[in-house]
Amino acid sequence: MPVGFGRSVSLQALPNFVVGNSGRNASAKLNELKELDDLRGKLIVSNLGLVKDPNSESHETNLRSKKPIQELSLLWGPDSNEMKNSVSLVLLDNLCPHQNLRSLNVDGFLGVRFSDWIISLTNVVDINLFNLPNCKYLPPLERLPCLRKLKILYMGSLEWIHYYEIIGDVFFPSLEQLYFCNCENFRGWERLLGDDKNANETENHLSLPPFSRLSSLEIYACPNLTCMTSFARLIEKLELGVCSVKLMLETCMVKHDESSPFYPLSALKSLQLWQVTGIEAMPEDWMRNLT
C-alpha cells in the first residue's frame, strides 16, 4: 500500500490492506489504518510478518473502534518466519477487533498462545484458524453465544483448548460445524482453573455437557485427540480419518433415555471412517443406531 493511504478517512471499502516492506520508501505501515474508522464489511490485512515495530504500528491501528467491519482476516504471510513468538503475540494482541465482528480468519500467527480477546467476540459466527505452528493453547470458546462454525487446521503444536468451569448446560450453545485437521498433538479440552491461566488440569471430559446443536463433525490427522464431549445428536456428517475411534465409541455409549426414542447418532446421514485406530473396541452392534 502507498504511504499516506491512511489520510483517506472517508474510505468505506478496503478488501485487502497489504503491509509493505520497510525497505521500500513507498510502502505503507500498519498504522495507516488508524483513522479509517468508516471501513465496513470485509477487511484482509496481509503480510503481517513484515511489521518491523509491532508495539507502535499495531497499537495505533485502532481496529477495536471499527464497528462496521464484519469479517476480518489477519494473514502473516510467507515472510513471517523471522518474527519472534513474543513479538507475534504483541502484534495479535493489538489487533483486537470490535466485538461486533461476525467472522474471524487467522493464518500464520507464530505465538505460543492465542490472544484472549477472541473470547470477547460475542457476535462472532465463524472462526477459522489456519497454520498456527507454535500455538499450544486456545482460550475458552465454549461461551461464545453465536459461534456456529469452528475450523482449526494445521496447528501441529496445539495441545489443548481450554474451557471454564461449566455452569448449567452452556457449552458451545450455537455450534453447528466443527472441523479439525492436521493437529497432531491436539488432545482435546482442558479445564482452566481460577485466574491463574497456567494452573490447569485435565478433568473428565465426559462430565461436559454434549454438543447440543452440532450437526457436522470432521476430524483428520489428529491421532491424540481423545478428550472431547459427546456428539450424539449429529445429523449431517461424521468423518474421522487418521485418528482414534474412541471419540465415537464414547458417544455411542452415552446412556439412552428410555422415555425418548432418540439413540446416539441415530439421525446421522453420512458416516466416513478411514485409517482410524481402536475400531476393534467398538461393540458388535454399534451400527444399530444408524438408521
Protein backbone atom coordinates (compact mmCIF):
# COMPACT_ATOMS: atom_id res chain seq x y z
CA MET A 1 0.00 0.00 0.00
CA PRO A 2 1.28 3.56 -0.72
CA VAL A 3 2.41 5.84 2.08
CA GLY A 4 -0.31 8.32 3.07
CA PHE A 5 -3.12 5.91 2.30
CA GLY A 6 -4.46 6.45 5.81
CA ARG A 7 -5.45 10.05 5.00
CA SER A 8 -8.47 8.74 3.06
CA VAL A 9 -10.54 8.97 6.24
CA SER A 10 -13.90 8.60 4.46
CA LEU A 11 -12.92 5.30 2.86
CA GLN A 12 -15.53 2.59 3.42
CA ALA A 13 -14.25 -0.35 1.37
CA LEU A 14 -10.75 -1.78 1.65
CA PRO A 15 -10.86 -5.52 0.92
CA ASN A 16 -7.10 -6.08 1.33
CA PHE A 17 -4.57 -3.94 3.20
CA VAL A 18 -1.08 -5.20 2.29
CA VAL A 19 1.65 -4.32 4.79
CA GLY A 20 4.65 -3.00 2.88
CA ASN A 21 8.30 -3.88 3.08
CA SER A 22 10.01 -1.20 5.16
CA GLY A 23 12.97 -1.31 2.81
CA ARG A 24 10.86 0.37 0.15
CA ASN A 25 10.24 4.08 0.53
CA ALA A 26 6.72 3.96 -0.87
CA SER A 27 5.38 1.20 1.39
CA ALA A 28 2.69 1.93 3.95
CA LYS A 29 2.93 0.79 7.55
CA LEU A 30 0.17 -0.92 9.53
CA ASN A 31 -0.70 2.26 11.42
CA GLU A 32 -2.11 3.75 8.19
CA LEU A 33 -5.33 2.04 9.31
CA LYS A 34 -5.61 4.28 12.39
CA GLU A 35 -8.04 6.91 11.10
CA LEU A 36 -10.04 4.69 8.75
CA ASP A 37 -12.98 4.29 11.12
CA ASP A 38 -15.58 4.13 8.34
CA LEU A 39 -14.28 0.84 6.97
CA ARG A 40 -17.05 -1.74 6.73
CA GLY A 41 -17.76 -5.23 5.50
CA LYS A 42 -14.67 -7.34 4.82
CA LEU A 43 -11.06 -6.46 5.70
CA ILE A 44 -7.99 -8.58 4.96
CA VAL A 45 -4.68 -7.49 6.48
CA SER A 46 -1.87 -9.27 4.65
CA ASN A 47 1.90 -9.64 5.19
CA LEU A 48 1.78 -9.02 8.94
CA GLY A 49 5.13 -10.81 9.12
CA LEU A 50 6.70 -7.68 7.60
CA VAL A 51 5.73 -5.43 10.51
CA LYS A 52 9.01 -4.17 11.98
CA ASP A 53 7.75 -2.33 15.06
CA PRO A 54 4.64 -4.18 16.31
CA ASN A 55 4.38 -2.19 19.56
CA SER A 56 3.83 1.14 17.83
CA GLU A 57 2.42 0.16 14.44
CA SER A 58 -0.23 -2.31 15.61
CA HIS A 59 -1.17 -0.32 18.72
CA GLU A 60 -2.23 2.57 16.51
CA THR A 61 -4.39 0.54 14.10
CA ASN A 62 -7.38 1.00 16.40
CA LEU A 63 -9.31 -1.96 14.99
CA ARG A 64 -11.45 -2.06 18.13
CA SER A 65 -13.16 1.18 17.06
CA LYS A 66 -14.09 -0.10 13.59
CA LYS A 67 -17.54 -1.46 14.42
CA PRO A 68 -18.82 -1.79 10.80
CA ILE A 69 -16.18 -4.41 9.92
CA GLN A 70 -17.99 -7.75 9.78
CA GLU A 71 -15.26 -10.09 8.51
CA LEU A 72 -11.57 -9.82 9.47
CA SER A 73 -8.66 -11.85 8.10
CA LEU A 74 -5.20 -11.50 9.68
CA LEU A 75 -2.55 -13.08 7.46
CA TRP A 76 1.11 -13.26 8.49
CA GLY A 77 2.39 -14.36 5.08
CA PRO A 78 5.50 -16.23 3.90
CA ASP A 79 7.98 -13.68 5.29
CA SER A 80 6.94 -14.13 8.93
CA ASN A 81 9.47 -16.80 9.95
CA GLU A 82 11.94 -14.22 11.25
CA MET A 83 9.39 -12.72 13.66
CA LYS A 84 9.81 -13.85 17.27
CA ASN A 85 6.94 -15.64 19.01
CA SER A 86 6.58 -12.93 21.65
CA VAL A 87 6.54 -10.18 19.02
CA SER A 88 3.89 -12.05 17.06
CA LEU A 89 1.71 -12.20 20.19
CA VAL A 90 2.09 -8.46 20.82
CA LEU A 91 1.01 -7.85 17.25
CA LEU A 92 -2.08 -10.06 17.55
CA ASP A 93 -2.99 -8.60 20.96
CA ASN A 94 -3.01 -5.11 19.48
CA LEU A 95 -5.16 -6.13 16.53
CA CYS A 96 -8.19 -6.74 18.72
CA PRO A 97 -11.34 -6.15 16.62
CA HIS A 98 -14.68 -4.73 17.70
CA GLN A 99 -16.90 -7.31 19.40
CA ASN A 100 -19.43 -6.77 16.61
CA LEU A 101 -17.26 -8.93 14.32
CA ARG A 102 -19.06 -11.84 12.63
CA SER A 103 -16.19 -13.76 11.01
CA LEU A 104 -12.52 -14.17 12.03
CA ASN A 105 -9.73 -15.77 9.98
CA VAL A 106 -6.15 -16.01 11.25
CA ASP A 107 -3.37 -17.55 9.14
CA GLY A 108 0.33 -17.90 10.01
CA PHE A 109 0.35 -16.45 13.55
CA LEU A 110 3.55 -17.56 15.31
CA GLY A 111 2.75 -17.11 19.01
CA VAL A 112 2.64 -19.92 21.57
CA ARG A 113 -0.81 -18.90 22.78
CA PHE A 114 -3.70 -17.06 21.15
CA SER A 115 -4.87 -13.62 22.26
CA ASP A 116 -7.59 -13.58 24.90
CA TRP A 117 -9.64 -11.01 23.02
CA ILE A 118 -11.15 -13.83 20.99
CA ILE A 119 -13.46 -14.67 23.92
CA SER A 120 -14.93 -11.14 23.77
CA LEU A 121 -16.31 -11.64 20.24
CA THR A 122 -19.87 -12.19 21.39
CA ASN A 123 -21.31 -11.83 17.87
CA VAL A 124 -18.84 -13.98 16.00
CA VAL A 125 -20.42 -16.73 13.90
CA ASP A 126 -17.42 -18.19 12.08
CA ILE A 127 -13.82 -18.74 13.31
CA ASN A 128 -11.07 -20.18 11.11
CA LEU A 129 -7.55 -20.73 12.49
CA PHE A 130 -5.02 -21.96 9.92
CA ASN A 131 -1.31 -22.72 10.12
CA LEU A 132 -0.52 -21.52 13.63
CA PRO A 133 2.59 -23.71 14.02
CA ASN A 134 3.64 -22.72 17.56
CA CYS A 135 0.31 -22.20 19.29
CA LYS A 136 -0.11 -24.74 22.12
CA TYR A 137 -3.31 -23.48 23.73
CA LEU A 138 -6.52 -21.76 22.73
CA PRO A 139 -8.62 -19.67 25.12
CA PRO A 140 -12.06 -20.89 26.20
CA LEU A 141 -14.53 -20.56 23.32
CA GLU A 142 -17.49 -22.51 24.67
CA ARG A 143 -19.39 -19.43 25.87
CA LEU A 144 -19.43 -17.59 22.56
CA PRO A 145 -23.20 -17.41 22.11
CA CYS A 146 -23.36 -17.04 18.31
CA LEU A 147 -20.47 -19.26 17.17
CA ARG A 148 -21.78 -21.71 14.56
CA LYS A 149 -18.65 -22.81 12.70
CA LEU A 150 -15.17 -23.53 14.11
CA LYS A 151 -12.30 -24.69 11.88
CA ILE A 152 -8.81 -25.44 13.20
CA LEU A 153 -6.24 -26.59 10.64
CA TYR A 154 -2.51 -27.26 10.57
CA MET A 155 -1.80 -26.41 14.20
CA GLY A 156 0.85 -29.04 14.89
CA SER A 157 1.76 -27.73 18.36
CA LEU A 158 -1.79 -27.34 19.66
CA GLU A 159 -2.35 -29.44 22.79
CA TRP A 160 -5.49 -28.11 24.46
CA ILE A 161 -8.49 -25.88 24.05
CA HIS A 162 -9.21 -24.53 27.50
CA TYR A 163 -12.67 -24.24 28.98
CA TYR A 164 -14.10 -22.55 32.06
CA GLU A 165 -15.96 -24.34 34.80
CA ILE A 166 -19.24 -25.38 33.22
CA ILE A 167 -22.30 -23.81 34.84
CA GLY A 168 -25.54 -25.35 33.64
CA ASP A 169 -25.59 -26.66 30.08
CA VAL A 170 -23.76 -23.79 28.38
CA PHE A 171 -21.17 -25.44 26.13
CA PHE A 172 -20.98 -24.11 22.56
CA PRO A 173 -24.72 -23.32 22.55
CA SER A 174 -24.88 -22.49 18.81
CA LEU A 175 -22.06 -24.56 17.30
CA GLU A 176 -23.18 -26.49 14.22
CA GLN A 177 -19.95 -27.31 12.36
CA LEU A 178 -16.62 -28.39 13.89
CA TYR A 179 -13.52 -29.20 11.85
CA PHE A 180 -10.03 -30.28 12.95
CA CYS A 181 -7.24 -31.14 10.50
CA ASN A 182 -3.54 -31.92 10.99
CA CYS A 183 -3.32 -31.10 14.68
CA GLU A 184 -1.01 -33.99 15.57
CA ASN A 185 -0.53 -33.10 19.26
CA PHE A 186 -4.05 -31.95 19.99
CA ARG A 187 -5.50 -33.86 22.95
CA GLY A 188 -8.80 -32.08 23.46
CA TRP A 189 -10.43 -29.84 26.05
CA GLU A 190 -8.79 -28.95 29.37
CA ARG A 191 -10.34 -27.02 32.23
CA LEU A 192 -8.87 -23.62 33.07
CA LEU A 193 -8.78 -23.03 36.81
CA GLY A 194 -9.32 -19.69 38.52
CA ASP A 195 -7.45 -16.58 37.49
CA ASP A 196 -4.14 -18.37 37.02
CA LYS A 197 -4.07 -19.27 33.35
CA ASN A 198 -1.09 -21.52 33.91
CA ALA A 199 -2.87 -23.60 36.53
CA ASN A 200 -4.95 -26.10 34.65
CA GLU A 201 -5.77 -29.75 34.87
CA THR A 202 -7.30 -32.42 32.71
CA GLU A 203 -10.74 -33.20 34.04
CA ASN A 204 -13.09 -35.95 32.99
CA HIS A 205 -14.33 -34.64 29.65
CA LEU A 206 -17.29 -36.97 29.87
CA SER A 207 -18.73 -34.68 32.54
CA LEU A 208 -19.01 -31.87 29.98
CA PRO A 209 -22.43 -31.16 28.52
CA PRO A 210 -22.82 -32.59 24.99
CA PHE A 211 -22.73 -30.51 21.85
CA SER A 212 -26.40 -29.64 21.72
CA ARG A 213 -26.62 -28.30 18.14
CA LEU A 214 -23.60 -29.83 16.41
CA SER A 215 -24.63 -31.15 13.00
CA SER A 216 -21.30 -31.80 11.24
CA LEU A 217 -18.01 -33.07 12.71
CA GLU A 218 -14.82 -33.70 10.71
CA ILE A 219 -11.53 -34.79 12.28
CA TYR A 220 -8.46 -35.63 10.19
CA ALA A 221 -4.91 -36.46 11.27
CA CYS A 222 -5.44 -35.77 14.97
CA PRO A 223 -4.22 -39.10 16.44
CA ASN A 224 -4.03 -37.88 20.06
CA LEU A 225 -7.48 -36.33 20.25
CA THR A 226 -9.33 -38.28 22.95
CA CYS A 227 -10.71 -35.68 25.41
CA MET A 228 -13.90 -34.42 23.84
CA THR A 229 -17.53 -34.17 24.85
CA SER A 230 -20.14 -36.35 23.16
CA PHE A 231 -21.80 -35.51 19.86
CA ALA A 232 -24.76 -37.88 19.92
CA ARG A 233 -27.11 -35.55 18.02
CA LEU A 234 -25.09 -35.19 14.83
CA ILE A 235 -27.33 -35.00 11.78
CA GLU A 236 -25.43 -34.19 8.59
CA LYS A 237 -21.96 -35.69 8.74
CA LEU A 238 -19.33 -37.51 10.80
CA GLU A 239 -15.92 -38.06 9.21
CA LEU A 240 -12.92 -39.47 11.10
CA GLY A 241 -9.58 -40.11 9.43
CA VAL A 242 -6.14 -40.95 10.88
CA CYS A 243 -7.40 -40.57 14.44
CA SER A 244 -8.78 -42.61 17.31
CA VAL A 245 -12.29 -44.01 17.13
CA LYS A 246 -12.51 -43.59 20.91
CA LEU A 247 -14.45 -40.36 20.41
CA MET A 248 -17.21 -42.16 18.54
CA LEU A 249 -17.17 -45.07 20.98
CA GLU A 250 -17.81 -42.78 23.93
CA THR A 251 -20.62 -41.07 22.08
CA CYS A 252 -22.23 -44.39 21.16
CA MET A 253 -22.05 -45.42 24.82
CA VAL A 254 -23.99 -42.38 26.02
CA LYS A 255 -26.77 -43.65 28.26
CA HIS A 256 -30.06 -43.84 26.42
CA ASP A 257 -33.11 -42.21 27.96
CA GLU A 258 -35.78 -44.90 27.90
CA SER A 259 -38.52 -42.28 27.74
CA SER A 260 -37.12 -40.95 24.45
CA PRO A 261 -36.97 -42.62 21.02
CA PHE A 262 -33.59 -40.97 20.42
CA TYR A 263 -30.41 -43.08 20.23
CA PRO A 264 -26.87 -41.69 19.85
CA LEU A 265 -26.10 -40.90 16.19
CA SER A 266 -29.48 -42.29 15.11
CA ALA A 267 -30.19 -39.22 12.97
CA LEU A 268 -26.79 -39.24 11.21
CA LYS A 269 -26.99 -39.04 7.40
CA SER A 270 -23.33 -39.59 6.43
CA LEU A 271 -20.52 -41.54 8.14
CA GLN A 272 -16.96 -41.98 6.83
CA LEU A 273 -14.12 -43.71 8.69
CA TRP A 274 -10.63 -44.27 7.30
CA GLN A 275 -7.35 -45.25 8.91
CA VAL A 276 -8.86 -45.00 12.39
CA THR A 277 -7.42 -46.77 15.42
CA GLY A 278 -9.35 -48.66 18.09
CA ILE A 279 -12.17 -49.81 15.83
CA GLU A 280 -11.91 -53.27 17.40
CA ALA A 281 -13.10 -51.77 20.70
CA MET A 282 -16.45 -50.84 19.22
CA PRO A 283 -19.30 -53.11 20.36
CA GLU A 284 -20.56 -55.57 17.77
CA ASP A 285 -23.92 -53.84 17.47
CA TRP A 286 -22.57 -50.29 17.41
CA MET A 287 -24.10 -49.64 13.99
CA ARG A 288 -27.63 -50.49 15.07
CA ASN A 289 -28.32 -46.83 15.89
CA LEU A 290 -27.51 -45.73 12.33
CA THR A 291 -30.88 -45.75 10.65
